[in-house]
């Protein structure tokens, strides 16, 4: 399976292309949704859909629907060159909210 990037910045697209992952640069919620729809409709070989945090933040309903799918592609959200938008403890907080276990 292959990967594909939906990004709102040029640097992320160039970096992932160097790693062999193609992608598109999009701006605005409509372009992001159109790019994801295009990947889902035309690129059945994509197993991992990568989105930058800023692109994902513009389309929360789309991100939720992609995460709830029971078929590929798997959605992975990555920070861009400006750094992470999430707090430092986002993973432990997520685990605590999901399963009720506190990790020290």
C-alpha atoms as a PDB file:
ATOM      1  CA  UNK A   1       0.000   0.000   0.000  1.00  0.00           C
ATOM      2  CA  UNK A   2       1.091   3.514  -0.715  1.00  0.00           C
ATOM      3  CA  UNK A   3       0.876   6.805   1.100  1.00  0.00           C
ATOM      4  CA  UNK A   4      -0.442  10.179  -0.018  1.00  0.00           C
ATOM      5  CA  UNK A   5      -0.080  13.640   1.572  1.00  0.00           C
ATOM      6  CA  UNK A   6      -2.647  16.426   1.747  1.00  0.00           C
ATOM      7  CA  UNK A   7      -0.801  19.512   2.946  1.00  0.00           C
ATOM      8  CA  UNK A   8      -1.297  23.226   3.229  1.00  0.00           C
ATOM      9  CA  UNK A   9       2.396  23.978   2.821  1.00  0.00           C
ATOM     10  CA  UNK A  10       5.025  23.372   0.184  1.00  0.00           C
ATOM     11  CA  UNK A  11       7.800  22.200   2.524  1.00  0.00           C
ATOM     12  CA  UNK A  12       5.858  19.168   3.761  1.00  0.00           C
ATOM     13  CA  UNK A  13       5.050  18.101   0.194  1.00  0.00           C
ATOM     14  CA  UNK A  14       8.698  18.378  -0.864  1.00  0.00           C
ATOM     15  CA  UNK A  15       9.934  16.473   2.206  1.00  0.00           C
ATOM     16  CA  UNK A  16       7.532  13.587   1.766  1.00  0.00           C
ATOM     17  CA  UNK A  17       8.197  13.436  -1.979  1.00  0.00           C
ATOM     18  CA  UNK A  18      11.858  12.873  -1.112  1.00  0.00           C
ATOM     19  CA  UNK A  19      10.671   9.901   0.951  1.00  0.00           C
ATOM     20  CA  UNK A  20       8.637   8.601  -1.993  1.00  0.00           C
ATOM     21  CA  UNK A  21       5.207   9.807  -0.864  1.00  0.00           C
ATOM     22  CA  UNK A  22       3.344  11.969  -3.388  1.00  0.00           C
ATOM     23  CA  UNK A  23       0.998  14.730  -2.314  1.00  0.00           C
ATOM     24  CA  UNK A  24      -0.876  17.903  -3.103  1.00  0.00           C
ATOM     25  CA  UNK A  25      -0.841  21.434  -1.746  1.00  0.00           C
ATOM     26  CA  UNK A  26      -4.309  22.695  -0.844  1.00  0.00           C
ATOM     27  CA  UNK A  27      -5.651  25.864   0.732  1.00  0.00           C
ATOM     28  CA  UNK A  28      -9.036  26.085   2.386  1.00  0.00           C
ATOM     29  CA  UNK A  29     -11.557  23.528   3.537  1.00  0.00           C
ATOM     30  CA  UNK A  30     -13.122  23.073   0.095  1.00  0.00           C
ATOM     31  CA  UNK A  31      -9.805  22.216  -1.589  1.00  0.00           C
ATOM     32  CA  UNK A  32      -8.876  19.861   1.254  1.00  0.00           C
ATOM     33  CA  UNK A  33     -12.185  18.005   0.992  1.00  0.00           C
ATOM     34  CA  UNK A  34     -11.875  17.819  -2.812  1.00  0.00           C
ATOM     35  CA  UNK A  35      -8.337  16.405  -2.565  1.00  0.00           C
ATOM     36  CA  UNK A  36      -9.402  13.754  -0.034  1.00  0.00           C
ATOM     37  CA  UNK A  37     -12.445  12.826  -2.114  1.00  0.00           C
ATOM     38  CA  UNK A  38     -10.188  12.489  -5.152  1.00  0.00           C
ATOM     39  CA  UNK A  39      -7.832  10.163  -3.275  1.00  0.00           C
ATOM     40  CA  UNK A  40     -10.703   8.017  -1.997  1.00  0.00           C
ATOM     41  CA  UNK A  41     -12.351   7.792  -5.419  1.00  0.00           C
ATOM     42  CA  UNK A  42      -9.376   7.366  -7.739  1.00  0.00           C
ATOM     43  CA  UNK A  43      -6.421   6.043  -5.756  1.00  0.00           C
ATOM     44  CA  UNK A  44      -7.422   2.688  -4.318  1.00  0.00           C
ATOM     45  CA  UNK A  45      -3.770   1.781  -3.696  1.00  0.00           C
ATOM     46  CA  UNK A  46      -3.399   4.438  -0.966  1.00  0.00           C
ATOM     47  CA  UNK A  47      -3.235   2.792   2.441  1.00  0.00           C
ATOM     48  CA  UNK A  48      -2.052   5.778   4.477  1.00  0.00           C
ATOM     49  CA  UNK A  49      -3.459   9.270   4.012  1.00  0.00           C
ATOM     50  CA  UNK A  50      -1.200  11.843   5.648  1.00  0.00           C
ATOM     51  CA  UNK A  51      -2.487  15.329   6.486  1.00  0.00           C
ATOM     52  CA  UNK A  52      -0.731  18.250   8.105  1.00  0.00           C
ATOM     53  CA  UNK A  53      -2.229  19.467  11.381  1.00  0.00           C
ATOM     54  CA  UNK A  54      -3.253  22.807   9.910  1.00  0.00           C
ATOM     55  CA  UNK A  55      -5.077  21.134   7.015  1.00  0.00           C
ATOM     56  CA  UNK A  56      -6.817  18.742   9.403  1.00  0.00           C
ATOM     57  CA  UNK A  57      -7.835  21.608  11.701  1.00  0.00           C
ATOM     58  CA  UNK A  58      -9.705  23.241   8.817  1.00  0.00           C
ATOM     59  CA  UNK A  59     -11.853  20.136   8.219  1.00  0.00           C
ATOM     60  CA  UNK A  60     -12.764  18.537  11.569  1.00  0.00           C
ATOM     61  CA  UNK A  61     -15.864  16.751  10.236  1.00  0.00           C
ATOM     62  CA  UNK A  62     -13.852  15.209   7.399  1.00  0.00           C
ATOM     63  CA  UNK A  63     -11.135  14.072   9.816  1.00  0.00           C
ATOM     64  CA  UNK A  64     -13.754  12.481  12.071  1.00  0.00           C
ATOM     65  CA  UNK A  65     -15.367  10.615   9.164  1.00  0.00           C
ATOM     66  CA  UNK A  66     -11.972   9.350   7.945  1.00  0.00           C
ATOM     67  CA  UNK A  67     -11.096   8.075  11.410  1.00  0.00           C
ATOM     68  CA  UNK A  68     -14.416   6.268  11.732  1.00  0.00           C
ATOM     69  CA  UNK A  69     -14.014   4.394   8.428  1.00  0.00           C
ATOM     70  CA  UNK A  70     -13.501   0.673   8.697  1.00  0.00           C
ATOM     71  CA  UNK A  71     -11.448   0.487   5.516  1.00  0.00           C
ATOM     72  CA  UNK A  72      -8.253   2.078   4.241  1.00  0.00           C
ATOM     73  CA  UNK A  73      -6.785   4.585   4.082  1.00  0.00           C
ATOM     74  CA  UNK A  74      -5.526   5.094   7.598  1.00  0.00           C
ATOM     75  CA  UNK A  75      -5.420   8.807   8.470  1.00  0.00           C
ATOM     76  CA  UNK A  76      -2.179  10.105   9.980  1.00  0.00           C
ATOM     77  CA  UNK A  77      -1.943  13.743  11.043  1.00  0.00           C
ATOM     78  CA  UNK A  78       1.552  15.239  11.204  1.00  0.00           C
ATOM     79  CA  UNK A  79       2.937  18.618  12.260  1.00  0.00           C
ATOM     80  CA  UNK A  80       4.417  20.852   9.582  1.00  0.00           C
ATOM     81  CA  UNK A  81       7.558  22.983   9.636  1.00  0.00           C
ATOM     82  CA  UNK A  82       5.924  25.447  12.046  1.00  0.00           C
ATOM     83  CA  UNK A  83       5.742  22.815  14.783  1.00  0.00           C
ATOM     84  CA  UNK A  84       2.971  20.889  16.481  1.00  0.00           C
ATOM     85  CA  UNK A  85      -0.365  22.500  17.278  1.00  0.00           C
ATOM     86  CA  UNK A  86      -1.101  19.916  19.979  1.00  0.00           C
ATOM     87  CA  UNK A  87      -0.084  20.170  23.615  1.00  0.00           C
ATOM     88  CA  UNK A  88       2.951  18.239  24.809  1.00  0.00           C
ATOM     89  CA  UNK A  89       0.843  15.664  26.694  1.00  0.00           C
ATOM     90  CA  UNK A  90      -1.776  15.086  23.991  1.00  0.00           C
ATOM     91  CA  UNK A  91      -1.077  11.354  23.728  1.00  0.00           C
ATOM     92  CA  UNK A  92      -1.357  10.588  27.436  1.00  0.00           C
ATOM     93  CA  UNK A  93      -4.495  12.754  27.658  1.00  0.00           C
ATOM     94  CA  UNK A  94      -5.974  10.902  24.674  1.00  0.00           C
ATOM     95  CA  UNK A  95      -5.309   7.506  26.281  1.00  0.00           C
ATOM     96  CA  UNK A  96      -6.745   8.679  29.596  1.00  0.00           C
ATOM     97  CA  UNK A  97      -9.935   9.920  27.882  1.00  0.00           C
ATOM     98  CA  UNK A  98     -10.263   6.817  25.680  1.00  0.00           C
ATOM     99  CA  UNK A  99      -9.725   4.048  28.201  1.00  0.00           C
ATOM    100  CA  UNK A 100      -9.599   5.771  31.586  1.00  0.00           C
ATOM    101  CA  UNK A 101      -6.016   4.810  32.438  1.00  0.00           C
ATOM    102  CA  UNK A 102      -3.609   7.403  33.803  1.00  0.00           C
ATOM    103  CA  UNK A 103      -0.043   7.057  32.525  1.00  0.00           C
ATOM    104  CA  UNK A 104       2.814   8.589  34.510  1.00  0.00           C
END
